Amino acid sequence: MKEELNIEHGQELIFSNHALVRMQQRGLTKDVISFIFNYGIKMITHQDHRYIFNTNKQKKKNRELMFDRTFIKFQKQIENTALIVNNGILVTAYRIQGKIWR
């Protein structure tokens, strides 16, 4: 089921009911999810896309993001969260445990 729409930087992300529940359980805000979706690294995992935010890679690519208000406020959450997106629908968001292999 689809619930809410998030439009930033020309991209559209729909939050599924499952994703909203998981976000609430894990204390993740829509700002954190939106930031990772818009600025994170996208990897293809089977039919889904996984988004993570790698601070070291972003420092080289776009240093301005390190001074973004959302990043400063939620840095720890942004760096430790991965998103699973399928066809523009956020399926789930979870905490990264250890390394994520590329």
PDB file of N, CA and C in Angstrom:
ATOM      1  N   MET A   1       0.839  -1.187   0.000  1.00  0.00           N
ATOM      2  CA  MET A   1       0.000   0.000   0.000  1.00  0.00           C
ATOM      3  C   MET A   1       0.879   1.244   0.000  1.00  0.00           C
ATOM      4  N   LYS A   2       0.425   2.232  -0.715  1.00  0.00           N
ATOM      5  CA  LYS A   2       1.156   3.487  -0.808  1.00  0.00           C
ATOM      6  C   LYS A   2       0.485   4.504   0.097  1.00  0.00           C
ATOM      7  N   GLU A   3       1.295   5.358   0.723  1.00  0.00           N
ATOM      8  CA  GLU A   3       0.659   6.346   1.564  1.00  0.00           C
ATOM      9  C   GLU A   3       1.050   7.775   1.224  1.00  0.00           C
ATOM     10  N   GLU A   4       2.281   8.153   1.444  1.00  0.00           N
ATOM     11  CA  GLU A   4       2.625   9.554   1.310  1.00  0.00           C
ATOM     12  C   GLU A   4       3.649   9.780   0.218  1.00  0.00           C
ATOM     13  N   LEU A   5       3.691  10.995  -0.264  1.00  0.00           N
ATOM     14  CA  LEU A   5       4.570  11.378  -1.345  1.00  0.00           C
ATOM     15  C   LEU A   5       5.655  12.317  -0.839  1.00  0.00           C
ATOM     16  N   ASN A   6       6.837  12.159  -1.320  1.00  0.00           N
ATOM     17  CA  ASN A   6       7.940  13.040  -0.985  1.00  0.00           C
ATOM     18  C   ASN A   6       8.606  13.451  -2.287  1.00  0.00           C
ATOM     19  N   ILE A   7       8.556  14.730  -2.618  1.00  0.00           N
ATOM     20  CA  ILE A   7       9.144  15.197  -3.863  1.00  0.00           C
ATOM     21  C   ILE A   7      10.236  16.212  -3.555  1.00  0.00           C
ATOM     22  N   GLU A   8      11.463  15.878  -3.929  1.00  0.00           N
ATOM     23  CA  GLU A   8      12.602  16.780  -3.785  1.00  0.00           C
ATOM     24  C   GLU A   8      13.546  16.541  -4.927  1.00  0.00           C
ATOM     25  N   HIS A   9      14.160  17.583  -5.410  1.00  0.00           N
ATOM     26  CA  HIS A   9      15.161  17.485  -6.465  1.00  0.00           C
ATOM     27  C   HIS A   9      14.638  16.728  -7.676  1.00  0.00           C
ATOM     28  N   GLY A  10      13.357  16.861  -7.981  1.00  0.00           N
ATOM     29  CA  GLY A  10      12.790  16.237  -9.158  1.00  0.00           C
ATOM     30  C   GLY A  10      12.535  14.746  -9.034  1.00  0.00           C
ATOM     31  N   GLN A  11      12.802  14.160  -7.885  1.00  0.00           N
ATOM     32  CA  GLN A  11      12.560  12.734  -7.692  1.00  0.00           C
ATOM     33  C   GLN A  11      11.365  12.554  -6.768  1.00  0.00           C
ATOM     34  N   GLU A  12      10.660  11.486  -6.999  1.00  0.00           N
ATOM     35  CA  GLU A  12       9.458  11.219  -6.221  1.00  0.00           C
ATOM     36  C   GLU A  12       9.655   9.929  -5.434  1.00  0.00           C
ATOM     37  N   LEU A  13       9.334   9.963  -4.153  1.00  0.00           N
ATOM     38  CA  LEU A  13       9.439   8.776  -3.308  1.00  0.00           C
ATOM     39  C   LEU A  13       8.114   8.577  -2.597  1.00  0.00           C
ATOM     40  N   ILE A  14       7.560   7.393  -2.730  1.00  0.00           N
ATOM     41  CA  ILE A  14       6.300   7.053  -2.076  1.00  0.00           C
ATOM     42  C   ILE A  14       6.632   6.165  -0.890  1.00  0.00           C
ATOM     43  N   PHE A  15       6.062   6.479   0.261  1.00  0.00           N
ATOM     44  CA  PHE A  15       6.300   5.706   1.484  1.00  0.00           C
ATOM     45  C   PHE A  15       5.232   4.624   1.617  1.00  0.00           C
ATOM     46  N   SER A  16       5.651   3.372   1.670  1.00  0.00           N
ATOM     47  CA  SER A  16       4.690   2.288   1.900  1.00  0.00           C
ATOM     48  C   SER A  16       4.305   2.282   3.377  1.00  0.00           C
ATOM     49  N   ASN A  17       3.197   1.631   3.697  1.00  0.00           N
ATOM     50  CA  ASN A  17       2.773   1.535   5.095  1.00  0.00           C
ATOM     51  C   ASN A  17       3.828   0.812   5.927  1.00  0.00           C
ATOM     52  N   HIS A  18       4.413  -0.244   5.355  1.00  0.00           N
ATOM     53  CA  HIS A  18       5.465  -0.986   6.059  1.00  0.00           C
ATOM     54  C   HIS A  18       6.650  -0.067   6.373  1.00  0.00           C
ATOM     55  N   ALA A  19       7.052   0.735   5.399  1.00  0.00           N
ATOM     56  CA  ALA A  19       8.180   1.643   5.601  1.00  0.00           C
ATOM     57  C   ALA A  19       7.868   2.673   6.689  1.00  0.00           C
ATOM     58  N   LEU A  20       6.653   3.187   6.705  1.00  0.00           N
ATOM     59  CA  LEU A  20       6.271   4.164   7.739  1.00  0.00           C
ATOM     60  C   LEU A  20       6.330   3.544   9.133  1.00  0.00           C
ATOM     61  N   VAL A  21       5.897   2.288   9.245  1.00  0.00           N
ATOM     62  CA  VAL A  21       5.956   1.589  10.531  1.00  0.00           C
ATOM     63  C   VAL A  21       7.417   1.410  10.956  1.00  0.00           C
ATOM     64  N   ARG A  22       8.257   0.946  10.018  1.00  0.00           N
ATOM     65  CA  ARG A  22       9.672   0.726  10.334  1.00  0.00           C
ATOM     66  C   ARG A  22      10.378   2.027  10.688  1.00  0.00           C
ATOM     67  N   MET A  23      10.047   3.105   9.984  1.00  0.00           N
ATOM     68  CA  MET A  23      10.637   4.410  10.294  1.00  0.00           C
ATOM     69  C   MET A  23      10.275   4.823  11.719  1.00  0.00           C
ATOM     70  N   GLN A  24       9.029   4.622  12.083  1.00  0.00           N
ATOM     71  CA  GLN A  24       8.578   4.994  13.426  1.00  0.00           C
ATOM     72  C   GLN A  24       9.267   4.128  14.472  1.00  0.00           C
ATOM     73  N   GLN A  25       9.405   2.839  14.217  1.00  0.00           N
ATOM     74  CA  GLN A  25      10.054   1.931  15.160  1.00  0.00           C
ATOM     75  C   GLN A  25      11.530   2.273  15.352  1.00  0.00           C
ATOM     76  N   ARG A  26      12.161   2.743  14.286  1.00  0.00           N
ATOM     77  CA  ARG A  26      13.605   3.000  14.314  1.00  0.00           C
ATOM     78  C   ARG A  26      13.944   4.463  14.541  1.00  0.00           C
ATOM     79  N   GLY A  27      12.934   5.278  14.757  1.00  0.00           N
ATOM     80  CA  GLY A  27      13.166   6.680  15.067  1.00  0.00           C
ATOM     81  C   GLY A  27      13.717   7.483  13.904  1.00  0.00           C
ATOM     82  N   LEU A  28      13.327   7.133  12.682  1.00  0.00           N
ATOM     83  CA  LEU A  28      13.807   7.833  11.498  1.00  0.00           C
ATOM     84  C   LEU A  28      12.749   8.824  11.026  1.00  0.00           C
ATOM     85  N   THR A  29      13.190  10.026  10.704  1.00  0.00           N
ATOM     86  CA  THR A  29      12.260  11.043  10.216  1.00  0.00           C
ATOM     87  C   THR A  29      12.237  11.042   8.694  1.00  0.00           C
ATOM     88  N   LYS A  30      11.232  11.678   8.141  1.00  0.00           N
ATOM     89  CA  LYS A  30      11.148  11.795   6.685  1.00  0.00           C
ATOM     90  C   LYS A  30      12.294  12.645   6.141  1.00  0.00           C
ATOM     91  N   ASP A  31      12.802  13.570   6.951  1.00  0.00           N
ATOM     92  CA  ASP A  31      13.954  14.373   6.528  1.00  0.00           C
ATOM     93  C   ASP A  31      15.174  13.494   6.308  1.00  0.00           C
ATOM     94  N   VAL A  32      15.405  12.545   7.216  1.00  0.00           N
ATOM     95  CA  VAL A  32      16.541  11.625   7.101  1.00  0.00           C
ATOM     96  C   VAL A  32      16.380  10.772   5.850  1.00  0.00           C
ATOM     97  N   ILE A  33      15.199  10.208   5.660  1.00  0.00           N
ATOM     98  CA  ILE A  33      14.932   9.348   4.504  1.00  0.00           C
ATOM     99  C   ILE A  33      15.111  10.133   3.216  1.00  0.00           C
ATOM    100  N   SER A  34      14.558  11.324   3.177  1.00  0.00           N
ATOM    101  CA  SER A  34      14.649  12.168   1.993  1.00  0.00           C
ATOM    102  C   SER A  34      16.106  12.515   1.662  1.00  0.00           C
ATOM    103  N   PHE A  35      16.888  12.825   2.689  1.00  0.00           N
ATOM    104  CA  PHE A  35      18.292  13.180   2.490  1.00  0.00           C
ATOM    105  C   PHE A  35      19.064  12.004   1.889  1.00  0.00           C
ATOM    106  N   ILE A  36      18.866  10.822   2.446  1.00  0.00           N
ATOM    107  CA  ILE A  36      19.557   9.629   1.942  1.00  0.00           C
ATOM    108  C   ILE A  36      19.105   9.322   0.517  1.00  0.00           C
ATOM    109  N   PHE A  37      17.823   9.429   0.254  1.00  0.00           N
ATOM    110  CA  PHE A  37      17.285   9.138  -1.075  1.00  0.00           C
ATOM    111  C   PHE A  37      17.856  10.089  -2.120  1.00  0.00           C
ATOM    112  N   ASN A  38      17.950  11.367  -1.778  1.00  0.00           N
ATOM    113  CA  ASN A  38      18.394  12.368  -2.743  1.00  0.00           C
ATOM    114  C   ASN A  38      19.904  12.450  -2.909  1.00  0.00           C
ATOM    115  N   TYR A  39      20.660  12.166  -1.857  1.00  0.00           N
ATOM    116  CA  TYR A  39      22.108  12.354  -1.931  1.00  0.00           C
ATOM    117  C   TYR A  39      22.921  11.079  -1.710  1.00  0.00           C
ATOM    118  N   GLY A  40      22.257   9.996  -1.414  1.00  0.00           N
ATOM    119  CA  GLY A  40      22.969   8.758  -1.126  1.00  0.00           C
ATOM    120  C   GLY A  40      23.464   8.045  -2.367  1.00  0.00           C
ATOM    121  N   ILE A  41      24.246   7.015  -2.138  1.00  0.00           N
ATOM    122  CA  ILE A  41      24.770   6.178  -3.204  1.00  0.00           C
ATOM    123  C   ILE A  41      23.746   5.088  -3.482  1.00  0.00           C
ATOM    124  N   LYS A  42      23.423   4.909  -4.760  1.00  0.00           N
ATOM    125  CA  LYS A  42      22.407   3.941  -5.167  1.00  0.00           C
ATOM    126  C   LYS A  42      23.092   2.673  -5.669  1.00  0.00           C
ATOM    127  N   MET A  43      22.673   1.535  -5.116  1.00  0.00           N
ATOM    128  CA  MET A  43      23.187   0.240  -5.539  1.00  0.00           C
ATOM    129  C   MET A  43      22.008  -0.643  -5.927  1.00  0.00           C
ATOM    130  N   ILE A  44      22.181  -1.437  -6.957  1.00  0.00           N
ATOM    131  CA  ILE A  44      21.120  -2.345  -7.386  1.00  0.00           C
ATOM    132  C   ILE A  44      21.275  -3.664  -6.640  1.00  0.00           C
ATOM    133  N   THR A  45      20.197  -4.082  -5.972  1.00  0.00           N
ATOM    134  CA  THR A  45      20.178  -5.364  -5.268  1.00  0.00           C
ATOM    135  C   THR A  45      18.957  -6.134  -5.757  1.00  0.00           C
ATOM    136  N   HIS A  46      19.182  -7.095  -6.623  1.00  0.00           N
ATOM    137  CA  HIS A  46      18.117  -7.866  -7.267  1.00  0.00           C
ATOM    138  C   HIS A  46      17.178  -6.916  -8.001  1.00  0.00           C
ATOM    139  N   GLN A  47      15.918  -6.848  -7.675  1.00  0.00           N
ATOM    140  CA  GLN A  47      15.005  -5.945  -8.370  1.00  0.00           C
ATOM    141  C   GLN A  47      14.844  -4.616  -7.629  1.00  0.00           C
ATOM    142  N   ASP A  48      15.453  -4.481  -6.471  1.00  0.00           N
ATOM    143  CA  ASP A  48      15.341  -3.264  -5.668  1.00  0.00           C
ATOM    144  C   ASP A  48      16.598  -2.406  -5.793  1.00  0.00           C
ATOM    145  N   HIS A  49      16.501  -1.176  -5.293  1.00  0.00           N
ATOM    146  CA  HIS A  49      17.653  -0.294  -5.191  1.00  0.00           C
ATOM    147  C   HIS A  49      17.900  -0.009  -3.720  1.00  0.00           C
ATOM    148  N   ARG A  50      19.165  -0.069  -3.319  1.00  0.00           N
ATOM    149  CA  ARG A  50      19.537   0.257  -1.939  1.00  0.00           C
ATOM    150  C   ARG A  50      20.262   1.595  -1.963  1.00  0.00           C
ATOM    151  N   TYR A  51      19.872   2.484  -1.054  1.00  0.00           N
ATOM    152  CA  TYR A  51      20.507   3.791  -0.935  1.00  0.00           C
ATOM    153  C   TYR A  51      21.201   3.869   0.416  1.00  0.00           C
ATOM    154  N   ILE A  52      22.465   4.278   0.394  1.00  0.00           N
ATOM    155  CA  ILE A  52      23.191   4.558   1.631  1.00  0.00           C
ATOM    156  C   ILE A  52      23.926   5.871   1.435  1.00  0.00           C
ATOM    157  N   PHE A  53      24.282   6.501   2.525  1.00  0.00           N
ATOM    158  CA  PHE A  53      25.032   7.749   2.454  1.00  0.00           C
ATOM    159  C   PHE A  53      26.421   7.484   3.009  1.00  0.00           C
ATOM    160  N   ASN A  54      27.427   7.575   2.145  1.00  0.00           N
ATOM    161  CA  ASN A  54      28.812   7.368   2.529  1.00  0.00           C
ATOM    162  C   ASN A  54      29.473   8.735   2.669  1.00  0.00           C
ATOM    163  N   THR A  55      29.749   9.147   3.892  1.00  0.00           N
ATOM    164  CA  THR A  55      30.287  10.476   4.156  1.00  0.00           C
ATOM    165  C   THR A  55      31.633  10.700   3.476  1.00  0.00           C
ATOM    166  N   ASN A  56      32.512   9.714   3.515  1.00  0.00           N
ATOM    167  CA  ASN A  56      33.838   9.890   2.921  1.00  0.00           C
ATOM    168  C   ASN A  56      33.763  10.129   1.416  1.00  0.00           C
ATOM    169  N   LYS A  57      32.915   9.378   0.723  1.00  0.00           N
ATOM    170  CA  LYS A  57      32.765   9.582  -0.720  1.00  0.00           C
ATOM    171  C   LYS A  57      32.110  10.923  -1.024  1.00  0.00           C
ATOM    172  N   GLN A  58      31.147  11.322  -0.186  1.00  0.00           N
ATOM    173  CA  GLN A  58      30.461  12.590  -0.422  1.00  0.00           C
ATOM    174  C   GLN A  58      31.375  13.781  -0.148  1.00  0.00           C
ATOM    175  N   LYS A  59      32.307  13.647   0.780  1.00  0.00           N
ATOM    176  CA  LYS A  59      33.247  14.745   1.037  1.00  0.00           C
ATOM    177  C   LYS A  59      34.048  15.066  -0.211  1.00  0.00           C
ATOM    178  N   LYS A  60      34.420  14.043  -0.950  1.00  0.00           N
ATOM    179  CA  LYS A  60      35.181  14.239  -2.182  1.00  0.00           C
ATOM    180  C   LYS A  60      34.297  14.779  -3.303  1.00  0.00           C
ATOM    181  N   LYS A  61      33.066  14.314  -3.341  1.00  0.00           N
ATOM    182  CA  LYS A  61      32.155  14.641  -4.436  1.00  0.00           C
ATOM    183  C   LYS A  61      31.436  15.975  -4.235  1.00  0.00           C
ATOM    184  N   ASN A  62      30.920  16.206  -3.041  1.00  0.00           N
ATOM    185  CA  ASN A  62      30.086  17.381  -2.792  1.00  0.00           C
ATOM    186  C   ASN A  62      30.241  17.826  -1.334  1.00  0.00           C
ATOM    187  N   ARG A  63      31.267  18.605  -1.058  1.00  0.00           N
ATOM    188  CA  ARG A  63      31.553  19.045   0.316  1.00  0.00           C
ATOM    189  C   ARG A  63      30.431  19.895   0.914  1.00  0.00           C
ATOM    190  N   GLU A  64      29.644  20.548   0.079  1.00  0.00           N
ATOM    191  CA  GLU A  64      28.567  21.409   0.570  1.00  0.00           C
ATOM    192  C   GLU A  64      27.547  20.644   1.403  1.00  0.00           C
ATOM    193  N   LEU A  65      27.368  19.362   1.108  1.00  0.00           N
ATOM    194  CA  LEU A  65      26.400  18.551   1.859  1.00  0.00           C
ATOM    195  C   LEU A  65      26.762  18.438   3.333  1.00  0.00           C
ATOM    196  N   MET A  66      28.052  18.522   3.655  1.00  0.00           N
ATOM    197  CA  MET A  66      28.487  18.399   5.047  1.00  0.00           C
ATOM    198  C   MET A  66      28.014  19.581   5.892  1.00  0.00           C
ATOM    199  N   PHE A  67      27.611  20.670   5.233  1.00  0.00           N
ATOM    200  CA  PHE A  67      27.143  21.861   5.946  1.00  0.00           C
ATOM    201  C   PHE A  67      25.628  22.026   5.859  1.00  0.00           C
ATOM    202  N   ASP A  68      24.956  21.060   5.244  1.00  0.00           N
ATOM    203  CA  ASP A  68      23.504  21.085   5.151  1.00  0.00           C
ATOM    204  C   ASP A  68      22.910  20.929   6.551  1.00  0.00           C
ATOM    205  N   ARG A  69      21.873  21.692   6.864  1.00  0.00           N
ATOM    206  CA  ARG A  69      21.263  21.655   8.213  1.00  0.00           C
ATOM    207  C   ARG A  69      20.746  20.267   8.576  1.00  0.00           C
ATOM    208  N   THR A  70      20.136  19.590   7.608  1.00  0.00           N
ATOM    209  CA  THR A  70      19.614  18.247   7.869  1.00  0.00           C
ATOM    210  C   THR A  70      20.745  17.292   8.195  1.00  0.00           C
ATOM    211  N   PHE A  71      21.842  17.368   7.434  1.00  0.00           N
ATOM    212  CA  PHE A  71      22.977  16.478   7.677  1.00  0.00           C
ATOM    213  C   PHE A  71      23.580  16.735   9.059  1.00  0.00           C
ATOM    214  N   ILE A  72      23.760  17.988   9.416  1.00  0.00           N
ATOM    215  CA  ILE A  72      24.347  18.327  10.719  1.00  0.00           C
ATOM    216  C   ILE A  72      23.463  17.810  11.855  1.00  0.00           C
ATOM    217  N   LYS A  73      22.156  17.990  11.723  1.00  0.00           N
ATOM    218  CA  LYS A  73      21.227  17.601  12.785  1.00  0.00           C
ATOM    219  C   LYS A  73      21.100  16.082  12.928  1.00  0.00           C
ATOM    220  N   PHE A  74      21.104  15.360  11.799  1.00  0.00           N
ATOM    221  CA  PHE A  74      20.842  13.917  11.808  1.00  0.00           C
ATOM    222  C   PHE A  74      22.020  13.095  11.296  1.00  0.00           C
ATOM    223  N   GLN A  75      23.235  13.584  11.434  1.00  0.00           N
ATOM    224  CA  GLN A  75      24.396  12.937  10.842  1.00  0.00           C
ATOM    225  C   GLN A  75      24.512  11.459  11.193  1.00  0.00           C
ATOM    226  N   LYS A  76      24.396  11.130  12.454  1.00  0.00           N
ATOM    227  CA  LYS A  76      24.561   9.740  12.884  1.00  0.00           C
ATOM    228  C   LYS A  76      23.507   8.827  12.239  1.00  0.00           C
ATOM    229  N   GLN A  77      22.260   9.280  12.207  1.00  0.00           N
ATOM    230  CA  GLN A  77      21.192   8.492  11.591  1.00  0.00           C
ATOM    231  C   GLN A  77      21.403   8.345  10.086  1.00  0.00           C
ATOM    232  N   ILE A  78      21.811   9.427   9.435  1.00  0.00           N
ATOM    233  CA  ILE A  78      22.020   9.396   7.987  1.00  0.00           C
ATOM    234  C   ILE A  78      23.131   8.421   7.621  1.00  0.00           C
ATOM    235  N   GLU A  79      24.198   8.429   8.379  1.00  0.00           N
ATOM    236  CA  GLU A  79      25.338   7.569   8.085  1.00  0.00           C
ATOM    237  C   GLU A  79      25.073   6.098   8.399  1.00  0.00           C
ATOM    238  N   ASN A  80      24.116   5.812   9.266  1.00  0.00           N
ATOM    239  CA  ASN A  80      23.869   4.439   9.712  1.00  0.00           C
ATOM    240  C   ASN A  80      22.552   3.849   9.223  1.00  0.00           C
ATOM    241  N   THR A  81      21.981   4.397   8.161  1.00  0.00           N
ATOM    242  CA  THR A  81      20.691   3.934   7.669  1.00  0.00           C
ATOM    243  C   THR A  81      20.778   3.583   6.194  1.00  0.00           C
ATOM    244  N   ALA A  82      20.120   2.508   5.816  1.00  0.00           N
ATOM    245  CA  ALA A  82      20.008   2.106   4.414  1.00  0.00           C
ATOM    246  C   ALA A  82      18.528   2.070   4.035  1.00  0.00           C
ATOM    247  N   LEU A  83      18.240   2.399   2.793  1.00  0.00           N
ATOM    248  CA  LEU A  83      16.875   2.384   2.280  1.00  0.00           C
ATOM    249  C   LEU A  83      16.759   1.332   1.191  1.00  0.00           C
ATOM    250  N   ILE A  84      15.626   0.656   1.138  1.00  0.00           N
ATOM    251  CA  ILE A  84      15.313  -0.248   0.040  1.00  0.00           C
ATOM    252  C   ILE A  84      14.130   0.361  -0.708  1.00  0.00           C
ATOM    253  N   VAL A  85      14.356   0.649  -1.997  1.00  0.00           N
ATOM    254  CA  VAL A  85      13.351   1.304  -2.829  1.00  0.00           C
ATOM    255  C   VAL A  85      13.077   0.430  -4.046  1.00  0.00           C
ATOM    256  N   ASN A  86      11.805   0.248  -4.351  1.00  0.00           N
ATOM    257  CA  ASN A  86      11.398  -0.529  -5.519  1.00  0.00           C
ATOM    258  C   ASN A  86      10.416   0.300  -6.328  1.00  0.00           C
ATOM    259  N   ASN A  87      10.800   0.664  -7.548  1.00  0.00           N
ATOM    260  CA  ASN A  87       9.950   1.460  -8.445  1.00  0.00           C
ATOM    261  C   ASN A  87       9.441   2.745  -7.789  1.00  0.00           C
ATOM    262  N   GLY A  88      10.294   3.464  -7.093  1.00  0.00           N
ATOM    263  CA  GLY A  88       9.916   4.725  -6.481  1.00  0.00           C
ATOM    264  C   GLY A  88       9.146   4.588  -5.182  1.00  0.00           C
ATOM    265  N   ILE A  89       9.011   3.363  -4.670  1.00  0.00           N
ATOM    266  CA  ILE A  89       8.293   3.124  -3.414  1.00  0.00           C
ATOM    267  C   ILE A  89       9.304   2.691  -2.362  1.00  0.00           C
ATOM    268  N   LEU A  90       9.340   3.405  -1.247  1.00  0.00           N
ATOM    269  CA  LEU A  90      10.213   3.018  -0.141  1.00  0.00           C
ATOM    270  C   LEU A  90       9.631   1.766   0.511  1.00  0.00           C
ATOM    271  N   VAL A  91      10.369   0.660   0.390  1.00  0.00           N
ATOM    272  CA  VAL A  91       9.903  -0.610   0.942  1.00  0.00           C
ATOM    273  C   VAL A  91      10.208  -0.672   2.428  1.00  0.00           C
ATOM    274  N   THR A  92      11.453  -0.346   2.802  1.00  0.00           N
ATOM    275  CA  THR A  92      11.849  -0.364   4.201  1.00  0.00           C
ATOM    276  C   THR A  92      13.094   0.485   4.402  1.00  0.00           C
ATOM    277  N   ALA A  93      13.364   0.786   5.635  1.00  0.00           N
ATOM    278  CA  ALA A  93      14.589   1.485   6.041  1.00  0.00           C
ATOM    279  C   ALA A  93      15.132   0.740   7.243  1.00  0.00           C
ATOM    280  N   TYR A  94      16.447   0.529   7.256  1.00  0.00           N
ATOM    281  CA  TYR A  94      17.032  -0.227   8.362  1.00  0.00           C
ATOM    282  C   TYR A  94      18.394   0.314   8.735  1.00  0.00           C
ATOM    283  N   ARG A  95      18.810  -0.020   9.944  1.00  0.00           N
ATOM    284  CA  ARG A  95      20.130   0.374  10.442  1.00  0.00           C
ATOM    285  C   ARG A  95      21.188  -0.527   9.820  1.00  0.00           C
ATOM    286  N   ILE A  96      22.287   0.051   9.437  1.00  0.00           N
ATOM    287  CA  ILE A  96      23.394  -0.709   8.870  1.00  0.00           C
ATOM    288  C   ILE A  96      24.164  -1.360  10.013  1.00  0.00           C
ATOM    289  N   GLN A  97      24.322  -2.678   9.933  1.00  0.00           N
ATOM    290  CA  GLN A  97      25.079  -3.444  10.912  1.00  0.00           C
ATOM    291  C   GLN A  97      26.356  -3.912  10.232  1.00  0.00           C
ATOM    292  N   GLY A  98      27.489  -3.344  10.567  1.00  0.00           N
ATOM    293  CA  GLY A  98      28.745  -3.743   9.931  1.00  0.00           C
ATOM    294  C   GLY A  98      28.899  -3.127   8.556  1.00  0.00           C
ATOM    295  N   LYS A  99      29.637  -3.822   7.672  1.00  0.00           N
ATOM    296  CA  LYS A  99      29.902  -3.318   6.328  1.00  0.00           C
ATOM    297  C   LYS A  99      28.796  -3.714   5.359  1.00  0.00           C
ATOM    298  N   ILE A 100      28.547  -2.842   4.394  1.00  0.00           N
ATOM    299  CA  ILE A 100      27.674  -3.185   3.285  1.00  0.00           C
ATOM    300  C   ILE A 100      28.573  -3.407   2.092  1.00  0.00           C
ATOM    301  N   TRP A 101      28.497  -4.592   1.538  1.00  0.00           N
ATOM    302  CA  TRP A 101      29.344  -4.927   0.396  1.00  0.00           C
ATOM    303  C   TRP A 101      28.762  -4.323  -0.857  1.00  0.00           C
ATOM    304  N   ARG A 102      29.597  -3.889  -1.718  1.00  0.00           N
ATOM    305  CA  ARG A 102      29.155  -3.257  -2.952  1.00  0.00           C
ATOM    306  C   ARG A 102      29.077  -4.231  -4.069  1.00  0.00           C
TER     307      ARG A 102
END
